[in-house]
Amino acid sequence: MPRFLPARLPRICVAIAASNPVEMVEKADSVVRENPFIEFRLDYLSKPLLAMPKIKAFVEYHPEALIVATCRRAVSGGKFRGSVASEVDILVKAANQGCHLVDLELESAAHLKAHDFARLRRSASLILSYHDYRGTKKLEETFNRMKQHTADFYKVVSTANSLYDNVVMMKFLERHSHSHSLIGVCMGEQGVISRVLAVRAGSQFTFGSVNPGEETAPGQITARTLQETYRIDQVDAATRVYGLAGDPIAHSLSPAMLNAAFRRENVNAVYVALHAKSFDDLLACVRDIPIHGLSVTMPYKEEMVKHLDKTDPMTAKVGACNTVIRSQEGKLYGFNTDVSGVVRPLEQRIPLAGAKILVLGAGGAARAAVFGLKERGADVYILNRTPGPAATLAKQAKAKAVNRTQLKKMNFDVIVNATPYGRDNTVILDAIEQLPEAERETFTLVRIQGLTHTEVAGIHGVSTKTVQRRLSRALVLLTESLGDLVPHEEFPGDA
């Protein structure tokens, strides 16, 4: 007989895969108190039947656990190479040891005789599953095939080849979750957002891994990240969706920071990373999810301006937008906060009027820096890998484009790195480490620790003019080093 299920299942089912039964149960022991909903991937074991005594002992020791048994065949994307009959036999035995649910793929169900299917259904609650490892297509047709087999839950899993595939999956869930108990998600790097947003659209739960690197499907997020970063237990139909759009975005800390802010302020919202491979794909997602707000990063800051319904004069002047708000009517309002992000911190350190500032890059972030600094009266110079965009920006902003040869005869008060490099600080830190000792210490004390020239002069026992000279020298050397450290063939953002 199937074991009793709670009226509402937990939002996260932790998928556990291991090479042997002992390791499998040890992993389950490590997560069950925080995540009592567990899937044992028996197909990862060379001999799944040997795990039965371990499963029975685990169930007896953890009566609070809610367990799914899965033994997916290789022909359906799993690792079990036995027959359909062997798969069913393993699942029935797992149910007899205390597993509450069993997962059977549609392909296996189609080959089962009626009495074998009924025997499996009698043993535990049944999840009938389908996995498409190539794309997100024919969801309705697939679901109609699945409904020919009576099940307690229907799990439809596709592969996202675009961000919009997630929208297709969520619309499918919205259409059918009111009449059937559905689990739906998109696999793959492009499908990560469905791991969070599918429950908002009606999926009964989502899957999470135990640790990074232990995923049982492409794009799977760890259970801890789903709980702590995305607050998956609180995501519902009323949850507002915000996102970071760009390519690449894996380096960004924005999801962690913004979701932490939502948690602190008790806002029913979630912030997800939208790795958009094309701008059209991004725009379709923004309109159809719908996204309430968007942070825009490279390479879409300039393209986004063309699709705004309204913006402010500075954003229009810069020609790049990094912040979008979507109104209830669906209109897009865009702003550029990069300008204040560059100008305000610098204003607290030095007078910008008349300051000699070098901006590295000529993309969206560089445009914001150049226009913002020029508005404050700075003398702005632009260095870019390819001279054309730098010359165009310099002409538009009434700045000056320079090349690396000219830099050897120039000194700057500030260098602004507006290129994609240095996102993780390693490029800049490497360049600082290459400075001569006196220049390195002076740069660190003034530009990183914020000491005044007089304070640094006192520490080193030199004049303020010497401090200024060392700082200028450090800035010149940094400019040269950054140019050497950045491989030209990997400098796509501002070409």
Protein backbone atom coordinates (compact mmCIF):
# COMPACT_ATOMS: atom_id res chain seq x y z
CA MET A 1 0.00 0.00 0.00
CA PRO A 2 1.23 3.52 -0.76
CA ARG A 3 2.43 5.39 2.30
CA PHE A 4 0.66 8.54 3.47
CA LEU A 5 1.75 11.79 1.79
CA PRO A 6 1.36 15.23 3.37
CA ALA A 7 -1.27 17.56 1.88
CA ARG A 8 1.52 19.79 0.62
CA LEU A 9 4.88 18.42 -0.37
CA PRO A 10 8.08 20.27 0.56
CA ARG A 11 9.29 22.64 -2.17
CA ILE A 12 12.70 20.95 -2.59
CA CYS A 13 13.41 17.32 -3.32
CA VAL A 14 17.11 16.67 -2.77
CA ALA A 15 18.44 14.30 -5.41
CA ILE A 16 21.04 11.93 -4.00
CA ALA A 17 23.40 9.96 -6.20
CA ALA A 18 26.28 7.80 -5.00
CA SER A 19 28.44 4.95 -6.17
CA ASN A 20 27.46 2.60 -3.32
CA PRO A 21 24.61 2.22 -0.78
CA VAL A 22 26.69 3.31 2.21
CA GLU A 23 27.67 6.60 0.58
CA MET A 24 24.10 7.15 -0.59
CA VAL A 25 22.66 6.84 2.91
CA GLU A 26 25.47 8.93 4.42
CA LYS A 27 24.58 11.76 2.05
CA ALA A 28 20.92 11.38 2.96
CA ASP A 29 21.81 11.52 6.67
CA SER A 30 23.69 14.79 6.09
CA VAL A 31 20.66 16.60 4.58
CA VAL A 32 17.52 14.98 5.98
CA ARG A 33 17.13 17.28 9.00
CA GLU A 34 17.15 20.40 6.85
CA ASN A 35 15.56 18.77 3.80
CA PRO A 36 13.35 15.79 4.67
CA PHE A 37 12.24 15.33 1.03
CA ILE A 38 14.80 13.04 -0.67
CA GLU A 39 15.20 11.22 -3.95
CA PHE A 40 17.37 8.09 -3.99
CA ARG A 41 18.82 7.70 -7.49
CA LEU A 42 19.17 3.94 -7.40
CA ASP A 43 20.23 3.82 -11.05
CA TYR A 44 23.61 5.30 -10.02
CA LEU A 45 24.33 2.09 -8.07
CA SER A 46 25.86 -0.88 -9.89
CA LYS A 47 23.58 -3.24 -7.90
CA PRO A 48 20.53 -1.28 -6.71
CA LEU A 49 18.98 -4.22 -4.83
CA LEU A 50 21.91 -4.17 -2.38
CA ALA A 51 20.68 -0.80 -1.17
CA MET A 52 17.37 -2.15 0.16
CA PRO A 53 18.55 -2.96 3.72
CA LYS A 54 20.17 0.49 3.95
CA ILE A 55 16.97 2.17 2.79
CA LYS A 56 14.89 0.25 5.34
CA ALA A 57 17.25 1.23 8.17
CA PHE A 58 17.25 4.86 7.03
CA VAL A 59 13.44 4.99 6.98
CA GLU A 60 13.22 3.47 10.45
CA TYR A 61 15.75 5.96 11.83
CA HIS A 62 14.21 8.95 10.02
CA PRO A 63 10.42 8.53 10.06
CA GLU A 64 10.11 12.21 9.13
CA ALA A 65 11.77 11.60 5.76
CA LEU A 66 9.72 11.64 2.56
CA ILE A 67 11.49 9.48 -0.02
CA VAL A 68 11.31 9.08 -3.80
CA ALA A 69 12.90 6.00 -5.39
CA THR A 70 14.16 6.38 -8.96
CA CYS A 71 15.92 3.79 -11.10
CA ARG A 72 15.91 5.45 -14.51
CA ARG A 73 16.93 3.31 -17.44
CA ALA A 74 19.80 4.36 -19.69
CA VAL A 75 17.52 4.59 -22.73
CA SER A 76 15.57 7.28 -20.85
CA GLY A 77 18.62 9.26 -19.75
CA GLY A 78 19.44 7.37 -16.55
CA LYS A 79 22.17 4.87 -15.70
CA PHE A 80 20.29 1.61 -15.13
CA ARG A 81 20.96 -0.90 -17.93
CA GLY A 82 18.51 -3.57 -16.90
CA SER A 83 15.12 -4.40 -18.34
CA VAL A 84 11.82 -2.64 -17.65
CA ALA A 85 10.75 -5.62 -15.55
CA SER A 86 13.92 -5.33 -13.47
CA GLU A 87 13.35 -1.60 -13.02
CA VAL A 88 9.81 -2.18 -11.76
CA ASP A 89 10.98 -4.95 -9.45
CA ILE A 90 13.56 -2.60 -7.89
CA LEU A 91 11.02 0.21 -7.46
CA VAL A 92 8.45 -2.13 -5.83
CA LYS A 93 11.08 -3.44 -3.42
CA ALA A 94 12.14 0.14 -2.59
CA ALA A 95 8.52 0.99 -1.86
CA ASN A 96 8.26 -2.07 0.41
CA GLN A 97 11.29 -0.77 2.36
CA GLY A 98 9.46 2.50 3.05
CA CYS A 99 9.84 4.78 0.02
CA HIS A 100 6.74 6.96 -0.33
CA LEU A 101 6.97 7.63 -4.07
CA VAL A 102 8.47 5.88 -7.07
CA ASP A 103 9.47 7.57 -10.33
CA LEU A 104 8.77 5.68 -13.55
CA GLU A 105 9.54 7.18 -16.96
CA LEU A 106 6.90 7.25 -19.67
CA GLU A 107 8.97 5.01 -21.96
CA SER A 108 8.97 2.24 -19.35
CA ALA A 109 5.27 2.66 -18.59
CA ALA A 110 4.48 2.23 -22.28
CA HIS A 111 6.14 -1.21 -22.23
CA LEU A 112 4.49 -2.47 -19.05
CA LYS A 113 1.57 -4.84 -18.97
CA ALA A 114 -1.48 -3.54 -17.15
CA HIS A 115 -1.10 -5.82 -14.13
CA ASP A 116 2.59 -4.84 -13.67
CA PHE A 117 1.70 -1.15 -13.84
CA ALA A 118 -1.09 -1.72 -11.31
CA ARG A 119 1.33 -3.60 -9.02
CA LEU A 120 3.69 -0.62 -9.05
CA ARG A 121 0.86 1.82 -8.35
CA ARG A 122 -0.28 -0.26 -5.38
CA SER A 123 3.19 -0.18 -3.86
CA ALA A 124 3.66 3.62 -3.63
CA SER A 125 2.50 6.95 -5.02
CA LEU A 126 3.57 7.14 -8.64
CA ILE A 127 5.46 9.92 -10.40
CA LEU A 128 5.22 9.37 -14.14
CA SER A 129 8.10 11.24 -15.75
CA TYR A 130 9.26 12.32 -19.17
CA HIS A 131 12.64 13.86 -20.01
CA ASP A 132 13.55 15.61 -23.26
CA TYR A 133 17.32 16.03 -23.40
CA ARG A 134 17.27 18.00 -26.65
CA GLY A 135 14.77 20.80 -26.30
CA THR A 136 11.43 22.15 -25.08
CA LYS A 137 8.84 21.14 -27.62
CA LYS A 138 5.53 19.31 -28.00
CA LEU A 139 4.75 19.59 -24.28
CA GLU A 140 1.00 19.27 -24.86
CA GLU A 141 1.41 16.24 -27.09
CA THR A 142 3.69 14.60 -24.54
CA PHE A 143 1.31 15.35 -21.68
CA ASN A 144 -1.59 13.80 -23.58
CA ARG A 145 0.46 10.61 -23.93
CA MET A 146 1.28 10.67 -20.24
CA LYS A 147 -2.36 11.05 -19.20
CA GLN A 148 -3.12 7.69 -20.79
CA HIS A 149 -1.41 6.25 -17.70
CA THR A 150 -2.97 7.02 -14.33
CA ALA A 151 -0.43 8.53 -11.95
CA ASP A 152 -0.38 10.60 -8.78
CA PHE A 153 2.11 13.10 -10.24
CA TYR A 154 3.20 13.90 -13.78
CA LYS A 155 6.76 15.15 -14.19
CA VAL A 156 7.64 16.89 -17.47
CA VAL A 157 11.30 17.85 -17.85
CA SER A 158 12.69 19.50 -20.97
CA THR A 159 15.98 21.10 -22.00
CA ALA A 160 16.11 24.87 -22.39
CA ASN A 161 18.04 26.05 -25.44
CA SER A 162 16.95 29.63 -24.83
CA LEU A 163 15.59 31.67 -21.96
CA TYR A 164 12.18 31.67 -23.57
CA ASP A 165 11.99 27.88 -23.26
CA ASN A 166 11.53 28.52 -19.53
CA VAL A 167 8.51 30.68 -20.35
CA VAL A 168 7.09 27.86 -22.49
CA MET A 169 7.44 25.46 -19.55
CA MET A 170 5.88 27.90 -17.08
CA LYS A 171 2.92 28.59 -19.34
CA PHE A 172 2.40 24.83 -19.65
CA LEU A 173 2.38 24.52 -15.85
CA GLU A 174 -0.05 27.41 -15.50
CA ARG A 175 -2.49 25.78 -17.95
CA HIS A 176 -2.57 22.35 -16.31
CA SER A 177 -1.47 22.56 -12.66
CA HIS A 178 -5.01 23.37 -11.50
CA SER A 179 -6.29 19.97 -12.73
CA HIS A 180 -3.22 17.75 -12.33
CA SER A 181 -0.36 17.45 -9.85
CA LEU A 182 2.57 18.50 -12.02
CA ILE A 183 6.32 18.78 -11.64
CA GLY A 184 7.95 20.78 -14.39
CA VAL A 185 11.44 22.13 -14.94
CA CYS A 186 13.92 22.88 -17.72
CA MET A 187 17.37 21.34 -17.69
CA GLY A 188 20.56 22.99 -18.89
CA GLU A 189 22.39 26.23 -18.23
CA GLN A 190 19.63 28.19 -19.97
CA GLY A 191 17.03 26.47 -17.79
CA VAL A 192 18.37 27.44 -14.38
CA ILE A 193 15.67 30.07 -13.78
CA SER A 194 12.97 27.41 -14.09
CA ARG A 195 14.47 25.70 -11.03
CA VAL A 196 13.20 28.68 -9.03
CA LEU A 197 10.26 30.05 -11.02
CA ALA A 198 8.51 26.77 -11.91
CA VAL A 199 7.03 26.50 -8.40
CA ARG A 200 5.60 29.99 -8.93
CA ALA A 201 3.84 28.69 -12.06
CA GLY A 202 2.37 25.61 -10.38
CA SER A 203 5.05 22.93 -10.12
CA GLN A 204 4.57 20.84 -6.96
CA PHE A 205 8.28 21.03 -6.15
CA THR A 206 11.72 21.41 -7.68
CA PHE A 207 14.90 19.36 -7.40
CA GLY A 208 18.15 20.39 -5.73
CA SER A 209 21.55 18.76 -5.40
CA VAL A 210 23.37 17.96 -2.16
CA ASN A 211 26.55 19.83 -3.09
CA PRO A 212 28.00 21.65 -6.10
CA GLY A 213 29.31 19.09 -8.55
CA GLU A 214 26.82 16.42 -7.42
CA GLU A 215 23.99 17.39 -9.76
CA THR A 216 21.86 14.60 -11.19
CA ALA A 217 20.67 16.80 -14.07
CA PRO A 218 22.22 19.71 -16.00
CA GLY A 219 21.52 23.09 -14.40
CA GLN A 220 20.48 21.69 -11.01
CA ILE A 221 20.99 24.13 -8.11
CA THR A 222 22.05 23.04 -4.63
CA ALA A 223 19.26 22.67 -2.10
CA ARG A 224 21.00 25.14 0.21
CA THR A 225 21.09 27.81 -2.50
CA LEU A 226 17.42 27.26 -3.28
CA GLN A 227 16.57 27.69 0.40
CA GLU A 228 18.94 30.41 1.53
CA THR A 229 19.40 32.54 -1.59
CA TYR A 230 16.08 32.12 -3.38
CA ARG A 231 13.80 31.40 -0.37
CA ILE A 232 12.05 28.77 -2.48
CA ASP A 233 9.60 27.92 0.31
CA GLN A 234 8.10 31.41 0.05
CA VAL A 235 7.91 31.71 -3.74
CA ASP A 236 4.28 31.81 -4.92
CA ALA A 237 2.12 33.30 -7.66
CA ALA A 238 2.38 36.74 -6.04
CA THR A 239 6.19 36.73 -5.92
CA ARG A 240 7.65 39.53 -8.03
CA VAL A 241 10.46 38.53 -10.35
CA TYR A 242 13.57 40.65 -10.91
CA GLY A 243 16.66 39.67 -12.82
CA LEU A 244 20.17 40.36 -14.05
CA ALA A 245 20.52 40.15 -17.83
CA GLY A 246 23.77 39.80 -19.73
CA ASP A 247 26.33 37.48 -21.26
CA PRO A 248 28.31 36.35 -19.34
CA ILE A 249 26.85 36.72 -15.84
CA ALA A 250 28.16 33.70 -13.89
CA HIS A 251 30.64 35.97 -12.07
CA SER A 252 27.94 38.31 -10.73
CA LEU A 253 27.16 38.60 -7.02
CA SER A 254 23.88 40.41 -7.75
CA PRO A 255 21.53 37.44 -7.13
CA ALA A 256 23.08 36.79 -3.71
CA MET A 257 23.07 40.48 -2.78
CA LEU A 258 19.58 41.38 -4.01
CA ASN A 259 17.92 38.26 -2.63
CA ALA A 260 19.57 38.98 0.74
CA ALA A 261 18.11 42.49 0.59
CA PHE A 262 14.64 41.12 -0.22
CA ARG A 263 14.93 38.78 2.75
CA ARG A 264 16.02 41.57 5.11
CA GLU A 265 13.22 43.89 4.02
CA ASN A 266 10.66 41.05 3.96
CA VAL A 267 9.80 41.68 0.30
CA ASN A 268 7.97 38.92 -1.60
CA ALA A 269 10.34 38.97 -4.55
CA VAL A 270 13.08 36.89 -6.13
CA TYR A 271 16.10 37.96 -8.20
CA VAL A 272 17.39 35.55 -10.84
CA ALA A 273 20.24 35.49 -13.34
CA LEU A 274 19.12 35.68 -16.98
CA HIS A 275 21.97 34.46 -19.15
CA ALA A 276 20.65 35.80 -22.45
CA LYS A 277 22.45 34.59 -25.56
CA SER A 278 20.45 37.05 -27.70
CA PHE A 279 18.70 40.33 -27.00
CA ASP A 280 15.44 39.22 -28.66
CA ASP A 281 15.31 36.19 -26.36
CA LEU A 282 15.83 38.45 -23.35
CA LEU A 283 13.14 40.92 -24.39
CA ALA A 284 10.57 38.17 -24.92
CA CYS A 285 11.25 36.83 -21.41
CA VAL A 286 11.00 40.27 -19.83
CA ARG A 287 7.55 40.75 -21.34
CA ASP A 288 6.11 37.26 -20.81
CA ILE A 289 7.34 36.08 -17.39
CA PRO A 290 6.75 39.01 -16.60
CA ILE A 291 9.86 40.62 -15.13
CA HIS A 292 9.15 43.56 -12.80
CA GLY A 293 12.67 44.95 -12.88
CA LEU A 294 15.93 44.25 -14.63
CA SER A 295 19.60 44.94 -14.09
CA VAL A 296 21.33 45.07 -17.48
CA THR A 297 24.98 44.32 -18.02
CA MET A 298 27.20 43.71 -21.06
CA PRO A 299 26.58 43.40 -23.94
CA TYR A 300 23.00 44.74 -23.82
CA LYS A 301 23.24 48.15 -22.15
CA GLU A 302 23.27 50.11 -25.40
CA GLU A 303 20.74 47.90 -27.20
CA MET A 304 18.27 48.20 -24.32
CA VAL A 305 17.97 51.97 -24.78
CA LYS A 306 16.34 51.44 -28.19
CA HIS A 307 13.49 49.45 -26.65
CA LEU A 308 12.58 51.69 -23.71
CA ASP A 309 9.21 53.43 -23.63
CA LYS A 310 10.67 56.23 -21.53
CA THR A 311 14.00 57.27 -20.04
CA ASP A 312 15.72 60.27 -18.43
CA PRO A 313 17.95 62.84 -20.19
CA MET A 314 21.25 61.47 -18.83
CA THR A 315 20.49 57.89 -19.92
CA ALA A 316 19.52 59.14 -23.37
CA LYS A 317 22.72 61.17 -23.53
CA VAL A 318 24.92 58.28 -22.43
CA GLY A 319 23.14 55.89 -24.79
CA ALA A 320 23.33 53.00 -22.35
CA CYS A 321 20.89 51.67 -19.76
CA ASN A 322 21.62 49.35 -16.84
CA THR A 323 18.33 49.49 -14.90
CA VAL A 324 14.85 48.75 -16.25
CA ILE A 325 11.48 48.92 -14.53
CA ARG A 326 8.43 47.29 -16.09
CA SER A 327 5.13 49.05 -15.35
CA GLN A 328 1.82 47.29 -14.74
CA GLU A 329 0.87 48.20 -18.31
CA GLY A 330 4.00 46.46 -19.58
CA LYS A 331 5.92 49.61 -20.51
CA LEU A 332 9.68 49.66 -19.97
CA TYR A 333 11.30 52.59 -18.17
CA GLY A 334 15.08 52.68 -18.18
CA PHE A 335 17.81 54.46 -16.22
CA ASN A 336 21.59 54.50 -15.93
CA THR A 337 22.97 54.16 -12.41
CA ASP A 338 26.52 53.51 -13.64
CA VAL A 339 27.05 57.28 -13.84
CA SER A 340 26.51 57.84 -10.12
CA GLY A 341 28.29 54.54 -9.38
CA VAL A 342 31.46 55.97 -10.92
CA VAL A 343 31.15 59.64 -10.03
CA ARG A 344 30.04 59.58 -6.39
CA PRO A 345 32.89 57.44 -4.96
CA LEU A 346 35.47 59.49 -6.87
CA GLU A 347 33.97 62.78 -5.66
CA GLN A 348 34.58 61.61 -2.10
CA ARG A 349 38.29 61.11 -2.82
CA ILE A 350 39.33 63.92 -5.18
CA PRO A 351 37.92 67.10 -6.77
CA LEU A 352 36.76 65.98 -10.21
CA ALA A 353 36.86 69.41 -11.86
CA GLY A 354 40.14 69.50 -13.79
CA ALA A 355 41.13 65.95 -12.72
CA LYS A 356 42.97 63.98 -15.40
CA ILE A 357 41.16 60.64 -15.73
CA LEU A 358 41.78 57.68 -18.04
CA VAL A 359 38.84 55.39 -18.86
CA LEU A 360 39.66 51.92 -20.15
CA GLY A 361 37.01 50.61 -22.55
CA ALA A 362 34.35 52.09 -24.80
CA GLY A 363 31.24 50.01 -24.05
CA GLY A 364 28.17 50.76 -21.96
CA ALA A 365 29.94 51.14 -18.61
CA ALA A 366 32.68 53.25 -20.19
CA ARG A 367 30.09 55.55 -21.78
CA ALA A 368 28.51 56.16 -18.37
CA ALA A 369 31.90 56.90 -16.81
CA VAL A 370 32.99 59.26 -19.60
CA PHE A 371 29.77 61.29 -19.76
CA GLY A 372 29.42 61.42 -15.98
CA LEU A 373 33.01 62.56 -15.43
CA LYS A 374 32.84 65.11 -18.24
CA GLU A 375 29.71 66.57 -16.67
CA ARG A 376 31.73 67.12 -13.46
CA GLY A 377 34.44 68.97 -15.37
CA ALA A 378 37.07 66.22 -15.53
CA ASP A 379 39.65 66.01 -18.30
CA VAL A 380 38.78 62.55 -19.66
CA TYR A 381 40.92 60.28 -21.88
CA ILE A 382 39.75 57.00 -23.42
CA LEU A 383 41.84 53.92 -24.21
CA ASN A 384 40.24 50.97 -25.97
CA ARG A 385 41.60 47.84 -27.65
CA THR A 386 40.13 48.95 -30.96
CA PRO A 387 40.52 52.67 -31.62
CA GLY A 388 37.30 53.21 -33.59
CA PRO A 389 34.79 52.96 -30.70
CA ALA A 390 37.09 55.06 -28.49
CA ALA A 391 37.26 57.81 -31.11
CA THR A 392 33.49 57.77 -31.56
CA LEU A 393 32.86 58.01 -27.82
CA ALA A 394 35.47 60.73 -27.42
CA LYS A 395 33.78 62.80 -30.14
CA GLN A 396 30.33 62.32 -28.62
CA ALA A 397 31.43 63.24 -25.10
CA LYS A 398 34.03 65.85 -26.05
CA ALA A 399 36.76 63.72 -24.48
CA LYS A 400 40.10 62.56 -25.92
CA ALA A 401 40.99 59.16 -27.37
CA VAL A 402 44.57 57.99 -26.78
CA ASN A 403 46.69 55.00 -27.72
CA ARG A 404 49.18 53.04 -25.63
CA THR A 405 52.19 54.78 -27.12
CA GLN A 406 50.88 58.16 -25.99
CA LEU A 407 50.35 56.86 -22.44
CA LYS A 408 54.09 56.65 -21.79
CA LYS A 409 54.27 60.44 -21.76
CA MET A 410 51.11 60.99 -19.69
CA ASN A 411 50.15 60.98 -16.02
CA PHE A 412 46.64 60.49 -14.61
CA ASP A 413 44.92 61.14 -11.31
CA VAL A 414 42.54 58.22 -11.76
CA ILE A 415 42.18 55.17 -14.00
CA VAL A 416 38.66 53.75 -14.44
CA ASN A 417 38.57 50.14 -15.65
CA ALA A 418 35.34 49.81 -17.64
CA THR A 419 36.36 46.66 -19.50
CA PRO A 420 35.06 43.14 -18.78
CA TYR A 421 38.40 42.24 -17.20
CA GLY A 422 39.00 42.43 -13.51
CA ARG A 423 35.46 41.28 -12.64
CA ASP A 424 36.96 38.97 -10.04
CA ASN A 425 39.75 41.47 -9.19
CA THR A 426 42.50 39.02 -10.16
CA VAL A 427 43.65 41.00 -13.21
CA ILE A 428 43.94 44.26 -11.28
CA LEU A 429 45.51 42.60 -8.24
CA ASP A 430 48.10 40.93 -10.47
CA ALA A 431 48.91 44.30 -12.03
CA ILE A 432 49.30 45.92 -8.59
CA GLU A 433 51.61 43.10 -7.47
CA GLN A 434 53.90 43.82 -10.46
CA LEU A 435 54.49 47.43 -9.39
CA PRO A 436 57.87 48.41 -7.88
CA GLU A 437 57.74 48.35 -4.07
CA ALA A 438 57.57 52.12 -3.49
CA GLU A 439 54.86 52.63 -6.13
CA ARG A 440 52.90 49.58 -4.94
CA GLU A 441 52.85 50.71 -1.31
CA THR A 442 51.93 54.28 -2.25
CA PHE A 443 49.11 53.14 -4.54
CA THR A 444 47.76 50.75 -1.90
CA LEU A 445 47.78 53.34 0.87
CA VAL A 446 46.23 56.14 -1.21
CA ARG A 447 43.89 54.42 -3.64
CA ILE A 448 42.83 51.35 -1.65
CA GLN A 449 43.11 52.36 2.01
CA GLY A 450 42.16 56.00 1.40
CA LEU A 451 45.03 57.75 3.20
CA THR A 452 45.89 61.33 2.25
CA HIS A 453 49.14 62.27 0.52
CA THR A 454 50.32 63.94 3.73
CA GLU A 455 49.62 60.83 5.80
CA VAL A 456 51.50 58.60 3.36
CA ALA A 457 54.41 61.08 3.27
CA GLY A 458 54.61 60.86 7.06
CA ILE A 459 54.59 57.05 7.03
CA HIS A 460 57.40 56.82 4.45
CA GLY A 461 59.36 59.87 5.59
CA VAL A 462 59.20 61.56 2.17
CA SER A 463 57.69 64.75 0.78
CA THR A 464 54.13 64.96 -0.56
CA LYS A 465 55.61 65.69 -3.99
CA THR A 466 57.39 62.34 -3.84
CA VAL A 467 54.10 60.65 -2.93
CA GLN A 468 52.38 62.34 -5.88
CA ARG A 469 55.21 61.34 -8.21
CA ARG A 470 55.10 57.69 -7.06
CA LEU A 471 51.31 57.60 -7.40
CA SER A 472 51.44 59.00 -10.93
CA ARG A 473 54.12 56.48 -11.83
CA ALA A 474 52.01 53.65 -10.38
CA LEU A 475 49.01 54.68 -12.46
CA VAL A 476 51.07 54.75 -15.65
CA LEU A 477 52.56 51.32 -14.92
CA LEU A 478 49.13 49.92 -14.08
CA THR A 479 47.78 51.12 -17.40
CA GLU A 480 50.62 49.40 -19.25
CA SER A 481 50.28 46.22 -17.19
CA LEU A 482 46.53 45.98 -17.71
CA GLY A 483 47.06 46.22 -21.43
CA ASP A 484 49.59 43.39 -21.29
CA LEU A 485 47.50 41.19 -19.00
CA VAL A 486 44.34 41.34 -21.11
CA PRO A 487 44.52 38.94 -24.10
CA HIS A 488 43.31 40.85 -27.15
CA GLU A 489 41.41 37.92 -28.59
CA GLU A 490 39.38 37.68 -25.36
CA PHE A 491 38.35 41.31 -25.13
CA PRO A 492 34.87 41.20 -26.68
CA GLY A 493 32.80 43.68 -24.76
CA ASP A 494 34.08 46.95 -26.18
CA ALA A 495 35.43 46.01 -29.60
